[in-house]
Amino acid sequence: MILTHAHPDHIGALMSEENLFPKAQILIDKKEYDFWIKSDRQEIKNTLLKLKNIEFIN
């Protein structure tokens, strides 16, 4: 999956209880990832930190 940006309405389903795509490779821009990891938006930060198989682009 390619995440163009990490708004809650785009990434929230990645950590749903159903875990529909547990083996999916996640591609995200490193700057986008770092922005949200350093933000005060705890729900986004928690979701990103739980994701496995992340590959950074750019």
C-alpha atoms as a PDB file:
ATOM      1  CA  MET A   1       0.000   0.000   0.000  1.00  0.00           C
ATOM      2  CA  ILE A   2       1.186   3.488  -0.745  1.00  0.00           C
ATOM      3  CA  LEU A   3       0.287   6.123   1.826  1.00  0.00           C
ATOM      4  CA  THR A   4       0.404   9.523   0.199  1.00  0.00           C
ATOM      5  CA  HIS A   5      -0.285  11.154   3.544  1.00  0.00           C
ATOM      6  CA  ALA A   6      -1.155   9.935   7.023  1.00  0.00           C
ATOM      7  CA  HIS A   7      -4.417  11.668   7.839  1.00  0.00           C
ATOM      8  CA  PRO A   8      -6.559   9.639  10.276  1.00  0.00           C
ATOM      9  CA  ASP A   9      -9.216   8.935   7.657  1.00  0.00           C
ATOM     10  CA  HIS A  10      -6.538   7.309   5.490  1.00  0.00           C
ATOM     11  CA  ILE A  11      -4.560   5.245   7.986  1.00  0.00           C
ATOM     12  CA  GLY A  12      -7.063   4.465  10.731  1.00  0.00           C
ATOM     13  CA  ALA A  13      -8.321   1.336   9.006  1.00  0.00           C
ATOM     14  CA  LEU A  14      -4.804  -0.079   8.828  1.00  0.00           C
ATOM     15  CA  MET A  15      -4.978  -0.917  12.518  1.00  0.00           C
ATOM     16  CA  SER A  16      -8.585  -2.047  12.728  1.00  0.00           C
ATOM     17  CA  GLU A  17      -9.450  -5.141  14.727  1.00  0.00           C
ATOM     18  CA  GLU A  18     -10.047  -7.044  11.500  1.00  0.00           C
ATOM     19  CA  ASN A  19      -6.425  -6.467  10.405  1.00  0.00           C
ATOM     20  CA  LEU A  20      -7.368  -7.156   6.796  1.00  0.00           C
ATOM     21  CA  PHE A  21      -3.870  -6.824   5.351  1.00  0.00           C
ATOM     22  CA  PRO A  22      -1.380  -8.055   7.984  1.00  0.00           C
ATOM     23  CA  LYS A  23       1.356  -8.831   5.435  1.00  0.00           C
ATOM     24  CA  ALA A  24       0.973  -5.710   3.322  1.00  0.00           C
ATOM     25  CA  GLN A  25       4.070  -3.702   2.491  1.00  0.00           C
ATOM     26  CA  ILE A  26       3.450  -0.077   3.513  1.00  0.00           C
ATOM     27  CA  LEU A  27       5.184   2.668   1.530  1.00  0.00           C
ATOM     28  CA  ILE A  28       5.256   6.170   2.990  1.00  0.00           C
ATOM     29  CA  ASP A  29       7.381   9.251   2.488  1.00  0.00           C
ATOM     30  CA  LYS A  30       9.981   9.531   5.271  1.00  0.00           C
ATOM     31  CA  LYS A  31       9.207  13.232   5.824  1.00  0.00           C
ATOM     32  CA  GLU A  32       5.491  12.462   6.173  1.00  0.00           C
ATOM     33  CA  TYR A  33       6.193   9.674   8.650  1.00  0.00           C
ATOM     34  CA  ASP A  34       8.556  11.840  10.720  1.00  0.00           C
ATOM     35  CA  PHE A  35       6.081  14.728  10.745  1.00  0.00           C
ATOM     36  CA  TRP A  36       3.356  12.592  12.311  1.00  0.00           C
ATOM     37  CA  ILE A  37       5.674  10.732  14.694  1.00  0.00           C
ATOM     38  CA  LYS A  38       6.730  14.105  16.128  1.00  0.00           C
ATOM     39  CA  SER A  39       3.194  15.510  16.221  1.00  0.00           C
ATOM     40  CA  ASP A  40       0.794  15.791  19.138  1.00  0.00           C
ATOM     41  CA  ARG A  41      -1.759  13.635  17.308  1.00  0.00           C
ATOM     42  CA  GLN A  42      -1.375  10.552  19.475  1.00  0.00           C
ATOM     43  CA  GLU A  43      -3.831   8.405  17.482  1.00  0.00           C
ATOM     44  CA  ILE A  44      -1.837   8.883  14.281  1.00  0.00           C
ATOM     45  CA  LYS A  45       1.484   8.372  16.012  1.00  0.00           C
ATOM     46  CA  ASN A  46       0.250   5.164  17.659  1.00  0.00           C
ATOM     47  CA  THR A  47      -1.049   3.790  14.375  1.00  0.00           C
ATOM     48  CA  LEU A  48       2.195   4.473  12.531  1.00  0.00           C
ATOM     49  CA  LEU A  49       4.335   3.009  15.306  1.00  0.00           C
ATOM     50  CA  LYS A  50       2.323  -0.235  15.255  1.00  0.00           C
ATOM     51  CA  LEU A  51       2.657  -0.786  11.523  1.00  0.00           C
ATOM     52  CA  LYS A  52       5.022  -3.470  10.342  1.00  0.00           C
ATOM     53  CA  ASN A  53       6.594  -3.800   6.910  1.00  0.00           C
ATOM     54  CA  ILE A  54       7.117  -0.063   6.420  1.00  0.00           C
ATOM     55  CA  GLU A  55       9.368   1.065   3.608  1.00  0.00           C
ATOM     56  CA  PHE A  56      10.263   4.723   3.281  1.00  0.00           C
ATOM     57  CA  ILE A  57      10.218   6.449  -0.063  1.00  0.00           C
ATOM     58  CA  ASN A  58      12.106   9.681  -0.875  1.00  0.00           C
END
